[in-house]
């Protein structure tokens, strides 16, 4: 396994985007788990107990990935690895940022995977 792991933890996210993300609600202390599809859909991510919006705590900010060179809206740990001598590599799990984000960051449009 990549990184020397024996079993993949679905909340890890080091070698691939984590299928699940969790956070503890500051208002009520409840642990909330969200699936990747819900996170990248762009809607509100509400606490299951009190209804507080947890989007800011759960939803990652798009970054320019050091592995692929493209902007990724749901990055994994490979996005932070130091640049290597092999140039940009293919990433099958790249997540395209929303059109709203691209409109707010027009210079980053050149780094979006076609």
PDB file of N, CA and C in Angstrom:
ATOM      1  N   UNK A   1       0.839  -1.184   0.000  1.00  0.00           N
ATOM      2  CA  UNK A   1       0.000   0.000   0.000  1.00  0.00           C
ATOM      3  C   UNK A   1       0.884   1.248   0.000  1.00  0.00           C
ATOM      4  N   UNK A   2       0.435   2.320  -0.615  1.00  0.00           N
ATOM      5  CA  UNK A   2       1.190   3.567  -0.596  1.00  0.00           C
ATOM      6  C   UNK A   2       1.364   4.081   0.828  1.00  0.00           C
ATOM      7  N   UNK A   3       2.525   4.595   1.106  1.00  0.00           N
ATOM      8  CA  UNK A   3       2.783   5.175   2.416  1.00  0.00           C
ATOM      9  C   UNK A   3       3.014   4.149   3.501  1.00  0.00           C
ATOM     10  N   UNK A   4       3.044   2.871   3.149  1.00  0.00           N
ATOM     11  CA  UNK A   4       3.299   1.833   4.137  1.00  0.00           C
ATOM     12  C   UNK A   4       2.095   1.452   4.974  1.00  0.00           C
ATOM     13  N   UNK A   5       0.898   1.852   4.568  1.00  0.00           N
ATOM     14  CA  UNK A   5      -0.308   1.507   5.317  1.00  0.00           C
ATOM     15  C   UNK A   5      -0.678   0.049   5.087  1.00  0.00           C
ATOM     16  N   UNK A   6      -1.277  -0.571   6.090  1.00  0.00           N
ATOM     17  CA  UNK A   6      -1.737  -1.948   5.952  1.00  0.00           C
ATOM     18  C   UNK A   6      -3.224  -1.974   5.627  1.00  0.00           C
ATOM     19  N   UNK A   7      -3.958  -1.056   6.231  1.00  0.00           N
ATOM     20  CA  UNK A   7      -5.399  -0.959   6.012  1.00  0.00           C
ATOM     21  C   UNK A   7      -5.731   0.501   5.749  1.00  0.00           C
ATOM     22  N   UNK A   8      -6.576   0.743   4.749  1.00  0.00           N
ATOM     23  CA  UNK A   8      -6.943   2.117   4.412  1.00  0.00           C
ATOM     24  C   UNK A   8      -7.996   2.633   5.385  1.00  0.00           C
ATOM     25  N   UNK A   9      -7.696   3.751   6.027  1.00  0.00           N
ATOM     26  CA  UNK A   9      -8.648   4.425   6.895  1.00  0.00           C
ATOM     27  C   UNK A   9      -9.435   5.403   6.030  1.00  0.00           C
ATOM     28  N   UNK A  10     -10.763   5.270   5.937  1.00  0.00           N
ATOM     29  CA  UNK A  10     -11.533   6.145   5.045  1.00  0.00           C
ATOM     30  C   UNK A  10     -11.532   7.621   5.434  1.00  0.00           C
ATOM     31  N   UNK A  11     -10.962   7.967   6.575  1.00  0.00           N
ATOM     32  CA  UNK A  11     -10.895   9.373   6.987  1.00  0.00           C
ATOM     33  C   UNK A  11      -9.474   9.921   6.923  1.00  0.00           C
ATOM     34  N   UNK A  12      -8.531   9.132   6.458  1.00  0.00           N
ATOM     35  CA  UNK A  12      -7.123   9.530   6.445  1.00  0.00           C
ATOM     36  C   UNK A  12      -6.851  10.616   5.399  1.00  0.00           C
ATOM     37  N   UNK A  13      -6.971  10.294   4.124  1.00  0.00           N
ATOM     38  CA  UNK A  13      -6.770  11.268   3.069  1.00  0.00           C
ATOM     39  C   UNK A  13      -5.334  11.581   2.720  1.00  0.00           C
ATOM     40  N   UNK A  14      -4.369  10.757   3.129  1.00  0.00           N
ATOM     41  CA  UNK A  14      -2.970  11.060   2.807  1.00  0.00           C
ATOM     42  C   UNK A  14      -2.616  10.702   1.371  1.00  0.00           C
ATOM     43  N   UNK A  15      -2.978   9.518   0.909  1.00  0.00           N
ATOM     44  CA  UNK A  15      -2.569   9.100  -0.440  1.00  0.00           C
ATOM     45  C   UNK A  15      -3.700   9.209  -1.457  1.00  0.00           C
ATOM     46  N   UNK A  16      -4.911   9.444  -1.007  1.00  0.00           N
ATOM     47  CA  UNK A  16      -6.063   9.652  -1.883  1.00  0.00           C
ATOM     48  C   UNK A  16      -7.077  10.494  -1.119  1.00  0.00           C
ATOM     49  N   UNK A  17      -7.983  11.175  -1.816  1.00  0.00           N
ATOM     50  CA  UNK A  17      -8.980  11.978  -1.097  1.00  0.00           C
ATOM     51  C   UNK A  17      -9.825  11.098  -0.172  1.00  0.00           C
ATOM     52  N   UNK A  18      -9.996  11.544   1.046  1.00  0.00           N
ATOM     53  CA  UNK A  18     -10.753  10.770   2.035  1.00  0.00           C
ATOM     54  C   UNK A  18     -12.224  10.682   1.655  1.00  0.00           C
ATOM     55  N   UNK A  19     -12.791   9.469   1.603  1.00  0.00           N
ATOM     56  CA  UNK A  19     -14.209   9.343   1.276  1.00  0.00           C
ATOM     57  C   UNK A  19     -15.116   9.887   2.375  1.00  0.00           C
ATOM     58  N   UNK A  20     -14.596  10.003   3.596  1.00  0.00           N
ATOM     59  CA  UNK A  20     -15.361  10.519   4.729  1.00  0.00           C
ATOM     60  C   UNK A  20     -14.551  11.585   5.451  1.00  0.00           C
ATOM     61  N   UNK A  21     -15.225  12.614   5.945  1.00  0.00           N
ATOM     62  CA  UNK A  21     -14.584  13.636   6.785  1.00  0.00           C
ATOM     63  C   UNK A  21     -15.464  13.849   8.005  1.00  0.00           C
ATOM     64  N   UNK A  22     -14.818  14.123   9.123  1.00  0.00           N
ATOM     65  CA  UNK A  22     -15.572  14.325  10.359  1.00  0.00           C
ATOM     66  C   UNK A  22     -15.173  15.624  11.036  1.00  0.00           C
ATOM     67  N   UNK A  23     -16.059  16.112  11.867  1.00  0.00           N
ATOM     68  CA  UNK A  23     -15.785  17.281  12.695  1.00  0.00           C
ATOM     69  C   UNK A  23     -16.691  17.233  13.915  1.00  0.00           C
ATOM     70  N   UNK A  24     -16.250  17.884  14.961  1.00  0.00           N
ATOM     71  CA  UNK A  24     -17.062  18.014  16.159  1.00  0.00           C
ATOM     72  C   UNK A  24     -17.670  19.401  16.167  1.00  0.00           C
ATOM     73  N   UNK A  25     -18.969  19.467  16.334  1.00  0.00           N
ATOM     74  CA  UNK A  25     -19.680  20.738  16.359  1.00  0.00           C
ATOM     75  C   UNK A  25     -19.291  21.505  17.624  1.00  0.00           C
ATOM     76  N   UNK A  26     -18.849  22.749  17.444  1.00  0.00           N
ATOM     77  CA  UNK A  26     -18.460  23.570  18.596  1.00  0.00           C
ATOM     78  C   UNK A  26     -19.665  23.964  19.438  1.00  0.00           C
ATOM     79  N   UNK A  27     -20.836  24.042  18.819  1.00  0.00           N
ATOM     80  CA  UNK A  27     -22.023  24.482  19.545  1.00  0.00           C
ATOM     81  C   UNK A  27     -22.563  23.409  20.496  1.00  0.00           C
ATOM     82  N   UNK A  28     -22.628  22.152  20.023  1.00  0.00           N
ATOM     83  CA  UNK A  28     -23.258  21.115  20.851  1.00  0.00           C
ATOM     84  C   UNK A  28     -22.340  19.961  21.207  1.00  0.00           C
ATOM     85  N   UNK A  29     -21.148  19.884  20.603  1.00  0.00           N
ATOM     86  CA  UNK A  29     -20.198  18.828  20.916  1.00  0.00           C
ATOM     87  C   UNK A  29     -20.459  17.515  20.189  1.00  0.00           C
ATOM     88  N   UNK A  30     -21.378  17.504  19.261  1.00  0.00           N
ATOM     89  CA  UNK A  30     -21.731  16.292  18.536  1.00  0.00           C
ATOM     90  C   UNK A  30     -20.719  16.012  17.425  1.00  0.00           C
ATOM     91  N   UNK A  31     -20.353  14.743  17.273  1.00  0.00           N
ATOM     92  CA  UNK A  31     -19.457  14.335  16.199  1.00  0.00           C
ATOM     93  C   UNK A  31     -20.287  14.120  14.939  1.00  0.00           C
ATOM     94  N   UNK A  32     -19.856  14.728  13.828  1.00  0.00           N
ATOM     95  CA  UNK A  32     -20.571  14.621  12.565  1.00  0.00           C
ATOM     96  C   UNK A  32     -19.639  14.060  11.512  1.00  0.00           C
ATOM     97  N   UNK A  33     -20.149  13.119  10.699  1.00  0.00           N
ATOM     98  CA  UNK A  33     -19.388  12.503   9.616  1.00  0.00           C
ATOM     99  C   UNK A  33     -20.118  12.804   8.311  1.00  0.00           C
ATOM    100  N   UNK A  34     -19.350  13.271   7.310  1.00  0.00           N
ATOM    101  CA  UNK A  34     -19.920  13.624   6.020  1.00  0.00           C
ATOM    102  C   UNK A  34     -19.230  12.834   4.918  1.00  0.00           C
ATOM    103  N   UNK A  35     -19.975  12.475   3.877  1.00  0.00           N
ATOM    104  CA  UNK A  35     -19.420  11.758   2.733  1.00  0.00           C
ATOM    105  C   UNK A  35     -18.893  12.750   1.706  1.00  0.00           C
ATOM    106  N   UNK A  36     -17.912  12.305   0.916  1.00  0.00           N
ATOM    107  CA  UNK A  36     -17.270  13.156  -0.083  1.00  0.00           C
ATOM    108  C   UNK A  36     -18.289  13.759  -1.036  1.00  0.00           C
ATOM    109  N   UNK A  37     -19.249  12.973  -1.506  1.00  0.00           N
ATOM    110  CA  UNK A  37     -20.238  13.478  -2.462  1.00  0.00           C
ATOM    111  C   UNK A  37     -21.031  14.646  -1.891  1.00  0.00           C
ATOM    112  N   UNK A  38     -21.372  14.581  -0.609  1.00  0.00           N
ATOM    113  CA  UNK A  38     -22.107  15.674   0.037  1.00  0.00           C
ATOM    114  C   UNK A  38     -21.226  16.909   0.195  1.00  0.00           C
ATOM    115  N   UNK A  39     -19.948  16.691   0.466  1.00  0.00           N
ATOM    116  CA  UNK A  39     -19.023  17.806   0.680  1.00  0.00           C
ATOM    117  C   UNK A  39     -18.784  18.570  -0.619  1.00  0.00           C
ATOM    118  N   UNK A  40     -18.552  17.853  -1.720  1.00  0.00           N
ATOM    119  CA  UNK A  40     -18.247  18.538  -2.973  1.00  0.00           C
ATOM    120  C   UNK A  40     -19.502  19.034  -3.689  1.00  0.00           C
ATOM    121  N   UNK A  41     -20.680  18.635  -3.225  1.00  0.00           N
ATOM    122  CA  UNK A  41     -21.932  19.094  -3.846  1.00  0.00           C
ATOM    123  C   UNK A  41     -22.141  20.594  -3.654  1.00  0.00           C
ATOM    124  N   UNK A  42     -21.552  21.166  -2.614  1.00  0.00           N
ATOM    125  CA  UNK A  42     -21.629  22.610  -2.417  1.00  0.00           C
ATOM    126  C   UNK A  42     -22.739  23.091  -1.509  1.00  0.00           C
ATOM    127  N   UNK A  43     -23.604  22.209  -1.055  1.00  0.00           N
ATOM    128  CA  UNK A  43     -24.690  22.614  -0.162  1.00  0.00           C
ATOM    129  C   UNK A  43     -24.203  22.787   1.266  1.00  0.00           C
ATOM    130  N   UNK A  44     -25.131  23.146   2.148  1.00  0.00           N
ATOM    131  CA  UNK A  44     -24.782  23.290   3.559  1.00  0.00           C
ATOM    132  C   UNK A  44     -24.510  21.921   4.168  1.00  0.00           C
ATOM    133  N   UNK A  45     -23.562  21.881   5.083  1.00  0.00           N
ATOM    134  CA  UNK A  45     -23.245  20.672   5.823  1.00  0.00           C
ATOM    135  C   UNK A  45     -23.671  20.932   7.267  1.00  0.00           C
ATOM    136  N   UNK A  46     -24.853  20.467   7.614  1.00  0.00           N
ATOM    137  CA  UNK A  46     -25.458  20.802   8.897  1.00  0.00           C
ATOM    138  C   UNK A  46     -25.164  19.755   9.960  1.00  0.00           C
ATOM    139  N   UNK A  47     -25.005  20.239  11.197  1.00  0.00           N
ATOM    140  CA  UNK A  47     -24.825  19.364  12.342  1.00  0.00           C
ATOM    141  C   UNK A  47     -26.094  18.515  12.498  1.00  0.00           C
ATOM    142  N   UNK A  48     -25.907  17.237  12.715  1.00  0.00           N
ATOM    143  CA  UNK A  48     -27.042  16.314  12.827  1.00  0.00           C
ATOM    144  C   UNK A  48     -27.859  16.552  14.093  1.00  0.00           C
ATOM    145  N   UNK A  49     -27.242  17.179  15.093  1.00  0.00           N
ATOM    146  CA  UNK A  49     -27.931  17.379  16.361  1.00  0.00           C
ATOM    147  C   UNK A  49     -28.565  18.765  16.477  1.00  0.00           C
ATOM    148  N   UNK A  50     -27.786  19.832  16.214  1.00  0.00           N
ATOM    149  CA  UNK A  50     -28.305  21.185  16.445  1.00  0.00           C
ATOM    150  C   UNK A  50     -28.588  21.972  15.164  1.00  0.00           C
ATOM    151  N   UNK A  51     -28.135  21.481  14.000  1.00  0.00           N
ATOM    152  CA  UNK A  51     -28.413  22.148  12.742  1.00  0.00           C
ATOM    153  C   UNK A  51     -27.450  23.261  12.362  1.00  0.00           C
ATOM    154  N   UNK A  52     -26.375  23.453  13.111  1.00  0.00           N
ATOM    155  CA  UNK A  52     -25.388  24.493  12.794  1.00  0.00           C
ATOM    156  C   UNK A  52     -24.663  24.133  11.504  1.00  0.00           C
ATOM    157  N   UNK A  53     -24.362  25.119  10.670  1.00  0.00           N
ATOM    158  CA  UNK A  53     -23.654  24.893   9.413  1.00  0.00           C
ATOM    159  C   UNK A  53     -22.171  24.649   9.705  1.00  0.00           C
ATOM    160  N   UNK A  54     -21.677  23.477   9.316  1.00  0.00           N
ATOM    161  CA  UNK A  54     -20.290  23.088   9.568  1.00  0.00           C
ATOM    162  C   UNK A  54     -19.444  23.107   8.299  1.00  0.00           C
ATOM    163  N   UNK A  55     -19.934  23.754   7.258  1.00  0.00           N
ATOM    164  CA  UNK A  55     -19.244  23.771   5.964  1.00  0.00           C
ATOM    165  C   UNK A  55     -17.819  24.301   6.072  1.00  0.00           C
ATOM    166  N   UNK A  56     -17.620  25.362   6.822  1.00  0.00           N
ATOM    167  CA  UNK A  56     -16.285  25.969   6.938  1.00  0.00           C
ATOM    168  C   UNK A  56     -15.279  25.015   7.582  1.00  0.00           C
ATOM    169  N   UNK A  57     -15.740  24.169   8.492  1.00  0.00           N
ATOM    170  CA  UNK A  57     -14.849  23.231   9.173  1.00  0.00           C
ATOM    171  C   UNK A  57     -14.564  21.986   8.336  1.00  0.00           C
ATOM    172  N   UNK A  58     -15.515  21.576   7.491  1.00  0.00           N
ATOM    173  CA  UNK A  58     -15.403  20.306   6.775  1.00  0.00           C
ATOM    174  C   UNK A  58     -14.920  20.470   5.340  1.00  0.00           C
ATOM    175  N   UNK A  59     -15.429  21.457   4.642  1.00  0.00           N
ATOM    176  CA  UNK A  59     -15.128  21.603   3.218  1.00  0.00           C
ATOM    177  C   UNK A  59     -13.722  22.160   3.028  1.00  0.00           C
ATOM    178  N   UNK A  60     -12.833  21.407   2.316  1.00  0.00           N
ATOM    179  CA  UNK A  60     -11.477  21.917   2.094  1.00  0.00           C
ATOM    180  C   UNK A  60     -11.461  23.044   1.064  1.00  0.00           C
ATOM    181  N   UNK A  61     -10.470  23.877   1.144  1.00  0.00           N
ATOM    182  CA  UNK A  61     -10.303  24.958   0.178  1.00  0.00           C
ATOM    183  C   UNK A  61      -9.547  24.400  -1.035  1.00  0.00           C
ATOM    184  N   UNK A  62      -9.924  24.795  -2.251  1.00  0.00           N
ATOM    185  CA  UNK A  62      -9.189  24.337  -3.430  1.00  0.00           C
ATOM    186  C   UNK A  62      -7.726  24.784  -3.373  1.00  0.00           C
ATOM    187  N   UNK A  63      -6.841  23.891  -3.820  1.00  0.00           N
ATOM    188  CA  UNK A  63      -5.408  24.182  -3.838  1.00  0.00           C
ATOM    189  C   UNK A  63      -4.828  23.769  -5.189  1.00  0.00           C
ATOM    190  N   UNK A  64      -3.693  24.346  -5.521  1.00  0.00           N
ATOM    191  CA  UNK A  64      -2.963  23.880  -6.703  1.00  0.00           C
ATOM    192  C   UNK A  64      -2.079  22.736  -6.235  1.00  0.00           C
ATOM    193  N   UNK A  65      -2.344  21.575  -6.740  1.00  0.00           N
ATOM    194  CA  UNK A  65      -1.703  20.337  -6.300  1.00  0.00           C
ATOM    195  C   UNK A  65      -0.254  20.270  -6.759  1.00  0.00           C
ATOM    196  N   UNK A  66       0.648  19.956  -5.846  1.00  0.00           N
ATOM    197  CA  UNK A  66       2.065  19.792  -6.182  1.00  0.00           C
ATOM    198  C   UNK A  66       2.313  18.499  -6.952  1.00  0.00           C
ATOM    199  N   UNK A  67       1.399  17.539  -6.866  1.00  0.00           N
ATOM    200  CA  UNK A  67       1.559  16.248  -7.540  1.00  0.00           C
ATOM    201  C   UNK A  67       1.187  16.349  -9.017  1.00  0.00           C
ATOM    202  N   UNK A  68       0.004  16.938  -9.296  1.00  0.00           N
ATOM    203  CA  UNK A  68      -0.491  16.981 -10.676  1.00  0.00           C
ATOM    204  C   UNK A  68      -0.316  18.342 -11.350  1.00  0.00           C
ATOM    205  N   UNK A  69      -0.190  19.392 -10.561  1.00  0.00           N
ATOM    206  CA  UNK A  69      -0.097  20.734 -11.115  1.00  0.00           C
ATOM    207  C   UNK A  69      -1.444  21.382 -11.375  1.00  0.00           C
ATOM    208  N   UNK A  70      -2.543  20.639 -11.172  1.00  0.00           N
ATOM    209  CA  UNK A  70      -3.882  21.161 -11.386  1.00  0.00           C
ATOM    210  C   UNK A  70      -4.495  21.649 -10.072  1.00  0.00           C
ATOM    211  N   UNK A  71      -5.509  22.495 -10.192  1.00  0.00           N
ATOM    212  CA  UNK A  71      -6.275  22.920  -9.023  1.00  0.00           C
ATOM    213  C   UNK A  71      -7.195  21.774  -8.634  1.00  0.00           C
ATOM    214  N   UNK A  72      -7.253  21.467  -7.353  1.00  0.00           N
ATOM    215  CA  UNK A  72      -8.099  20.384  -6.849  1.00  0.00           C
ATOM    216  C   UNK A  72      -8.975  20.925  -5.725  1.00  0.00           C
ATOM    217  N   UNK A  73     -10.281  20.678  -5.826  1.00  0.00           N
ATOM    218  CA  UNK A  73     -11.227  21.164  -4.824  1.00  0.00           C
ATOM    219  C   UNK A  73     -11.379  20.209  -3.649  1.00  0.00           C
ATOM    220  N   UNK A  74     -10.854  18.997  -3.764  1.00  0.00           N
ATOM    221  CA  UNK A  74     -10.936  18.014  -2.677  1.00  0.00           C
ATOM    222  C   UNK A  74      -9.575  17.313  -2.596  1.00  0.00           C
ATOM    223  N   UNK A  75      -8.546  18.050  -2.148  1.00  0.00           N
ATOM    224  CA  UNK A  75      -7.171  17.534  -2.213  1.00  0.00           C
ATOM    225  C   UNK A  75      -6.879  16.457  -1.174  1.00  0.00           C
ATOM    226  N   UNK A  76      -5.895  15.630  -1.525  1.00  0.00           N
ATOM    227  CA  UNK A  76      -5.390  14.629  -0.586  1.00  0.00           C
ATOM    228  C   UNK A  76      -4.001  15.073  -0.119  1.00  0.00           C
ATOM    229  N   UNK A  77      -3.332  14.238   0.626  1.00  0.00           N
ATOM    230  CA  UNK A  77      -2.006  14.565   1.132  1.00  0.00           C
ATOM    231  C   UNK A  77      -0.960  14.721   0.044  1.00  0.00           C
ATOM    232  N   UNK A  78      -1.181  14.102  -1.127  1.00  0.00           N
ATOM    233  CA  UNK A  78      -0.229  14.242  -2.224  1.00  0.00           C
ATOM    234  C   UNK A  78      -0.142  15.674  -2.735  1.00  0.00           C
ATOM    235  N   UNK A  79      -1.152  16.475  -2.472  1.00  0.00           N
ATOM    236  CA  UNK A  79      -1.128  17.863  -2.947  1.00  0.00           C
ATOM    237  C   UNK A  79      -0.068  18.695  -2.226  1.00  0.00           C
ATOM    238  N   UNK A  80       0.399  18.212  -1.083  1.00  0.00           N
ATOM    239  CA  UNK A  80       1.372  18.954  -0.280  1.00  0.00           C
ATOM    240  C   UNK A  80       2.787  18.407  -0.392  1.00  0.00           C
ATOM    241  N   UNK A  81       2.968  17.311  -1.148  1.00  0.00           N
ATOM    242  CA  UNK A  81       4.307  16.742  -1.269  1.00  0.00           C
ATOM    243  C   UNK A  81       5.216  17.729  -1.998  1.00  0.00           C
ATOM    244  N   UNK A  82       6.495  17.735  -1.690  1.00  0.00           N
ATOM    245  CA  UNK A  82       7.399  18.636  -2.408  1.00  0.00           C
ATOM    246  C   UNK A  82       7.416  18.298  -3.901  1.00  0.00           C
ATOM    247  N   UNK A  83       7.629  19.313  -4.731  1.00  0.00           N
ATOM    248  CA  UNK A  83       7.732  19.099  -6.171  1.00  0.00           C
ATOM    249  C   UNK A  83       8.868  18.120  -6.453  1.00  0.00           C
ATOM    250  N   UNK A  84       8.696  17.277  -7.445  1.00  0.00           N
ATOM    251  CA  UNK A  84       9.690  16.264  -7.783  1.00  0.00           C
ATOM    252  C   UNK A  84      10.269  16.529  -9.167  1.00  0.00           C
ATOM    253  N   UNK A  85      11.301  15.809  -9.512  1.00  0.00           N
ATOM    254  CA  UNK A  85      12.008  16.010 -10.775  1.00  0.00           C
ATOM    255  C   UNK A  85      11.271  15.438 -11.984  1.00  0.00           C
ATOM    256  N   UNK A  86      10.221  14.653 -11.763  1.00  0.00           N
ATOM    257  CA  UNK A  86       9.510  13.983 -12.853  1.00  0.00           C
ATOM    258  C   UNK A  86       8.468  14.866 -13.516  1.00  0.00           C
ATOM    259  N   UNK A  87       8.293  16.077 -13.042  1.00  0.00           N
ATOM    260  CA  UNK A  87       7.249  16.948 -13.584  1.00  0.00           C
ATOM    261  C   UNK A  87       5.894  16.571 -13.007  1.00  0.00           C
ATOM    262  N   UNK A  88       4.857  17.137 -13.571  1.00  0.00           N
ATOM    263  CA  UNK A  88       3.510  16.853 -13.084  1.00  0.00           C
ATOM    264  C   UNK A  88       3.085  15.448 -13.493  1.00  0.00           C
ATOM    265  N   UNK A  89       2.449  14.748 -12.558  1.00  0.00           N
ATOM    266  CA  UNK A  89       1.993  13.390 -12.801  1.00  0.00           C
ATOM    267  C   UNK A  89       0.473  13.360 -12.925  1.00  0.00           C
ATOM    268  N   UNK A  90      -0.044  12.306 -13.514  1.00  0.00           N
ATOM    269  CA  UNK A  90      -1.486  12.155 -13.711  1.00  0.00           C
ATOM    270  C   UNK A  90      -2.162  11.821 -12.391  1.00  0.00           C
ATOM    271  N   UNK A  91      -3.244  12.526 -12.093  1.00  0.00           N
ATOM    272  CA  UNK A  91      -4.047  12.245 -10.902  1.00  0.00           C
ATOM    273  C   UNK A  91      -5.466  11.922 -11.352  1.00  0.00           C
ATOM    274  N   UNK A  92      -5.886  10.691 -11.143  1.00  0.00           N
ATOM    275  CA  UNK A  92      -7.224  10.258 -11.548  1.00  0.00           C
ATOM    276  C   UNK A  92      -8.301  10.755 -10.588  1.00  0.00           C
ATOM    277  N   UNK A  93      -7.910  11.219  -9.398  1.00  0.00           N
ATOM    278  CA  UNK A  93      -8.889  11.612  -8.378  1.00  0.00           C
ATOM    279  C   UNK A  93      -9.046  13.126  -8.248  1.00  0.00           C
ATOM    280  N   UNK A  94      -8.512  13.872  -9.203  1.00  0.00           N
ATOM    281  CA  UNK A  94      -8.612  15.326  -9.173  1.00  0.00           C
ATOM    282  C   UNK A  94     -10.072  15.755  -9.202  1.00  0.00           C
ATOM    283  N   UNK A  95     -10.430  16.691  -8.331  1.00  0.00           N
ATOM    284  CA  UNK A  95     -11.796  17.208  -8.258  1.00  0.00           C
ATOM    285  C   UNK A  95     -11.800  18.643  -8.753  1.00  0.00           C
ATOM    286  N   UNK A  96     -12.575  18.881  -9.792  1.00  0.00           N
ATOM    287  CA  UNK A  96     -12.655  20.213 -10.390  1.00  0.00           C
ATOM    288  C   UNK A  96     -13.351  21.179  -9.433  1.00  0.00           C
ATOM    289  N   UNK A  97     -12.815  22.405  -9.272  1.00  0.00           N
ATOM    290  CA  UNK A  97     -13.489  23.393  -8.425  1.00  0.00           C
ATOM    291  C   UNK A  97     -14.786  23.876  -9.078  1.00  0.00           C
ATOM    292  N   UNK A  98     -15.659  24.444  -8.272  1.00  0.00           N
ATOM    293  CA  UNK A  98     -16.938  24.937  -8.777  1.00  0.00           C
ATOM    294  C   UNK A  98     -16.725  26.149  -9.676  1.00  0.00           C
ATOM    295  N   UNK A  99     -17.691  26.412 -10.529  1.00  0.00           N
ATOM    296  CA  UNK A  99     -17.619  27.573 -11.417  1.00  0.00           C
ATOM    297  C   UNK A  99     -17.597  28.878 -10.617  1.00  0.00           C
ATOM    298  N   UNK A 100     -18.296  28.910  -9.489  1.00  0.00           N
ATOM    299  CA  UNK A 100     -18.296  30.104  -8.639  1.00  0.00           C
ATOM    300  C   UNK A 100     -16.884  30.397  -8.135  1.00  0.00           C
ATOM    301  N   UNK A 101     -16.159  29.343  -7.720  1.00  0.00           N
ATOM    302  CA  UNK A 101     -14.800  29.525  -7.227  1.00  0.00           C
ATOM    303  C   UNK A 101     -13.895  29.991  -8.359  1.00  0.00           C
ATOM    304  N   UNK A 102     -14.068  29.395  -9.541  1.00  0.00           N
ATOM    305  CA  UNK A 102     -13.239  29.786 -10.688  1.00  0.00           C
ATOM    306  C   UNK A 102     -13.503  31.227 -11.118  1.00  0.00           C
ATOM    307  N   UNK A 103     -14.740  31.681 -11.024  1.00  0.00           N
ATOM    308  CA  UNK A 103     -15.050  33.076 -11.341  1.00  0.00           C
ATOM    309  C   UNK A 103     -14.399  34.023 -10.352  1.00  0.00           C
ATOM    310  N   UNK A 104     -14.295  33.600  -9.085  1.00  0.00           N
ATOM    311  CA  UNK A 104     -13.664  34.426  -8.060  1.00  0.00           C
ATOM    312  C   UNK A 104     -12.135  34.389  -8.160  1.00  0.00           C
ATOM    313  N   UNK A 105     -11.579  33.360  -8.810  1.00  0.00           N
ATOM    314  CA  UNK A 105     -10.134  33.198  -8.952  1.00  0.00           C
ATOM    315  C   UNK A 105      -9.795  32.959 -10.431  1.00  0.00           C
ATOM    316  N   UNK A 106      -9.968  33.959 -11.299  1.00  0.00           N
ATOM    317  CA  UNK A 106      -9.813  33.765 -12.749  1.00  0.00           C
ATOM    318  C   UNK A 106      -8.410  33.324 -13.180  1.00  0.00           C
ATOM    319  N   UNK A 107      -7.382  33.699 -12.455  1.00  0.00           N
ATOM    320  CA  UNK A 107      -6.024  33.313 -12.829  1.00  0.00           C
ATOM    321  C   UNK A 107      -5.784  31.812 -12.647  1.00  0.00           C
ATOM    322  N   UNK A 108      -6.566  31.170 -11.801  1.00  0.00           N
ATOM    323  CA  UNK A 108      -6.399  29.735 -11.546  1.00  0.00           C
ATOM    324  C   UNK A 108      -7.057  28.871 -12.614  1.00  0.00           C
ATOM    325  N   UNK A 109      -7.881  29.474 -13.483  1.00  0.00           N
ATOM    326  CA  UNK A 109      -8.555  28.707 -14.532  1.00  0.00           C
ATOM    327  C   UNK A 109      -7.562  28.008 -15.460  1.00  0.00           C
ATOM    328  N   UNK A 110      -6.373  28.582 -15.604  1.00  0.00           N
ATOM    329  CA  UNK A 110      -5.350  27.969 -16.458  1.00  0.00           C
ATOM    330  C   UNK A 110      -4.818  26.649 -15.874  1.00  0.00           C
ATOM    331  N   UNK A 111      -5.057  26.415 -14.589  1.00  0.00           N
ATOM    332  CA  UNK A 111      -4.554  25.225 -13.925  1.00  0.00           C
ATOM    333  C   UNK A 111      -5.646  24.228 -13.592  1.00  0.00           C
ATOM    334  N   UNK A 112      -6.757  24.269 -14.320  1.00  0.00           N
ATOM    335  CA  UNK A 112      -7.864  23.336 -14.096  1.00  0.00           C
ATOM    336  C   UNK A 112      -7.730  22.199 -15.091  1.00  0.00           C
ATOM    337  N   UNK A 113      -7.916  20.992 -14.598  1.00  0.00           N
ATOM    338  CA  UNK A 113      -7.819  19.807 -15.445  1.00  0.00           C
ATOM    339  C   UNK A 113      -8.893  19.851 -16.520  1.00  0.00           C
ATOM    340  N   UNK A 114      -8.502  19.637 -17.794  1.00  0.00           N
ATOM    341  CA  UNK A 114      -9.492  19.703 -18.884  1.00  0.00           C
ATOM    342  C   UNK A 114     -10.497  18.559 -18.832  1.00  0.00           C
TER     343      UNK A 114
END
